[in-house]
C-alpha atoms as a PDB file:
ATOM      1  CA  MET A   1     -27.372  68.073  15.705  1.00  0.00           C
ATOM      2  CA  PRO A   2     -30.683  68.996  14.071  1.00  0.00           C
ATOM      3  CA  VAL A   3     -33.799  66.943  14.711  1.00  0.00           C
ATOM      4  CA  GLY A   4     -36.854  66.352  12.553  1.00  0.00           C
ATOM      5  CA  GLY A   5     -40.493  67.190  13.096  1.00  0.00           C
ATOM      6  CA  ILE A   6     -40.054  70.602  14.739  1.00  0.00           C
ATOM      7  CA  LYS A   7     -43.572  71.726  13.813  1.00  0.00           C
ATOM      8  CA  GLU A   8     -45.119  68.543  15.203  1.00  0.00           C
ATOM      9  CA  LYS A   9     -43.000  68.621  18.370  1.00  0.00           C
ATOM     10  CA  CYS A  10     -43.972  72.237  19.068  1.00  0.00           C
ATOM     11  CA  MET A  11     -47.649  71.516  18.394  1.00  0.00           C
ATOM     12  CA  ALA A  12     -47.536  68.533  20.771  1.00  0.00           C
ATOM     13  CA  ALA A  13     -45.830  70.624  23.452  1.00  0.00           C
ATOM     14  CA  HIS A  14     -48.475  73.339  23.135  1.00  0.00           C
ATOM     15  CA  ARG A  15     -51.300  70.786  23.170  1.00  0.00           C
ATOM     16  CA  ASN A  16     -49.912  69.410  26.457  1.00  0.00           C
ATOM     17  CA  GLY A  17     -49.548  72.809  28.118  1.00  0.00           C
ATOM     18  CA  ILE A  18     -45.787  73.124  27.733  1.00  0.00           C
ATOM     19  CA  LYS A  19     -44.764  76.757  27.281  1.00  0.00           C
ATOM     20  CA  ASN A  20     -40.949  76.473  27.127  1.00  0.00           C
ATOM     21  CA  VAL A  21     -39.265  74.520  24.357  1.00  0.00           C
ATOM     22  CA  ILE A  22     -35.551  73.855  23.859  1.00  0.00           C
ATOM     23  CA  LEU A  23     -34.428  73.176  20.294  1.00  0.00           C
ATOM     24  CA  PRO A  24     -31.088  72.743  18.543  1.00  0.00           C
ATOM     25  CA  LYS A  25     -29.708  75.938  17.002  1.00  0.00           C
ATOM     26  CA  LYS A  26     -29.455  74.088  13.684  1.00  0.00           C
ATOM     27  CA  ASN A  27     -33.276  73.854  13.621  1.00  0.00           C
ATOM     28  CA  GLU A  28     -33.808  77.608  13.874  1.00  0.00           C
ATOM     29  CA  ASN A  29     -34.933  77.849  10.229  1.00  0.00           C
ATOM     30  CA  ASP A  30     -37.394  74.964  10.699  1.00  0.00           C
ATOM     31  CA  TYR A  31     -39.148  76.905  13.456  1.00  0.00           C
ATOM     32  CA  THR A  32     -40.715  79.146  10.806  1.00  0.00           C
ATOM     33  CA  ASP A  33     -42.890  76.138   9.840  1.00  0.00           C
ATOM     34  CA  VAL A  34     -44.633  76.393  13.224  1.00  0.00           C
ATOM     35  CA  PRO A  35     -47.878  78.383  12.896  1.00  0.00           C
ATOM     36  CA  GLU A  36     -47.491  81.997  14.026  1.00  0.00           C
ATOM     37  CA  ASP A  37     -50.255  81.793  16.653  1.00  0.00           C
ATOM     38  CA  LEU A  38     -48.405  78.882  18.278  1.00  0.00           C
ATOM     39  CA  ARG A  39     -45.056  80.713  18.113  1.00  0.00           C
ATOM     40  CA  ASP A  40     -46.670  83.619  19.974  1.00  0.00           C
ATOM     41  CA  GLU A  41     -47.580  81.309  22.856  1.00  0.00           C
ATOM     42  CA  LEU A  42     -44.276  79.426  23.143  1.00  0.00           C
ATOM     43  CA  SER A  43     -40.941  80.502  24.549  1.00  0.00           C
ATOM     44  CA  VAL A  44     -38.331  78.784  22.410  1.00  0.00           C
ATOM     45  CA  TYR A  45     -34.652  78.576  23.276  1.00  0.00           C
ATOM     46  CA  PHE A  46     -32.135  77.523  20.634  1.00  0.00           C
ATOM     47  CA  VAL A  47     -29.017  75.837  21.991  1.00  0.00           C
ATOM     48  CA  ASN A  48     -25.693  74.809  20.493  1.00  0.00           C
ATOM     49  CA  ASN A  49     -24.927  71.907  22.827  1.00  0.00           C
ATOM     50  CA  VAL A  50     -26.244  69.681  25.583  1.00  0.00           C
ATOM     51  CA  GLU A  51     -24.630  71.806  28.294  1.00  0.00           C
ATOM     52  CA  GLU A  52     -26.709  74.834  27.249  1.00  0.00           C
ATOM     53  CA  ALA A  53     -29.853  72.696  27.181  1.00  0.00           C
ATOM     54  CA  LEU A  54     -29.167  71.356  30.667  1.00  0.00           C
ATOM     55  CA  LYS A  55     -28.637  74.853  32.053  1.00  0.00           C
ATOM     56  CA  LEU A  56     -32.054  75.838  30.722  1.00  0.00           C
ATOM     57  CA  ALA A  57     -33.813  72.625  31.676  1.00  0.00           C
ATOM     58  CA  LEU A  58     -32.512  72.081  35.185  1.00  0.00           C
ATOM     59  CA  GLU A  59     -33.636  74.159  38.100  1.00  0.00           C
ATOM     60  CA  ASP A  60     -31.202  76.636  39.631  1.00  0.00           C
ATOM     61  CA  SER A  61     -31.469  74.859  42.965  1.00  0.00           C
ATOM     62  CA  ILE A  62     -29.803  71.727  41.611  1.00  0.00           C
ATOM     63  CA  ASP A  63     -26.154  71.403  42.586  1.00  0.00           C
ATOM     64  CA  PRO A  64     -24.124  72.384  39.482  1.00  0.00           C
ATOM     65  CA  ASP A  65     -21.575  69.672  40.266  1.00  0.00           C
ATOM     66  CA  PHE A  66     -24.343  67.103  39.897  1.00  0.00           C
ATOM     67  CA  TYR A  67     -24.943  67.765  36.247  1.00  0.00           C
ATOM     68  CA  LYS A  68     -21.300  68.499  35.534  1.00  0.00           C
ATOM     69  CA  ASN A  69     -20.127  65.208  37.063  1.00  0.00           C
ATOM     70  CA  GLU A  70     -23.143  62.951  36.670  1.00  0.00           C
ATOM     71  CA  ILE A  71     -25.151  64.092  33.658  1.00  0.00           C
ATOM     72  CA  LEU A  72     -22.427  65.458  31.401  1.00  0.00           C
ATOM     73  CA  THR A  73     -20.220  62.416  31.853  1.00  0.00           C
ATOM     74  CA  PHE A  74     -23.158  60.377  30.544  1.00  0.00           C
ATOM     75  CA  PHE A  75     -23.616  62.562  27.436  1.00  0.00           C
ATOM     76  CA  ARG A  76     -20.020  63.545  26.675  1.00  0.00           C
ATOM     77  CA  PRO A  77     -19.016  60.182  25.076  1.00  0.00           C
ATOM     78  CA  LYS A  78     -22.021  60.502  22.771  1.00  0.00           C
ATOM     79  CA  LEU A  79     -21.096  64.017  21.607  1.00  0.00           C
END
């Protein structure tokens, strides 16, 4: 599901020292609104679903069964 305010969200992330940003794949075209100098300093990952976002966001050391059983069961009814 696309979200609004991609430019503002990316600018806020950059302003707060965040280098990695996860965005919905459906917002890929909106990313061109982000100033080029900011795009050069951010690593942006476009995902199709929550599972992809969680894989990027969670550390490798976290037990995969934790987010499969605990986190995904929370989000799945909302998908």
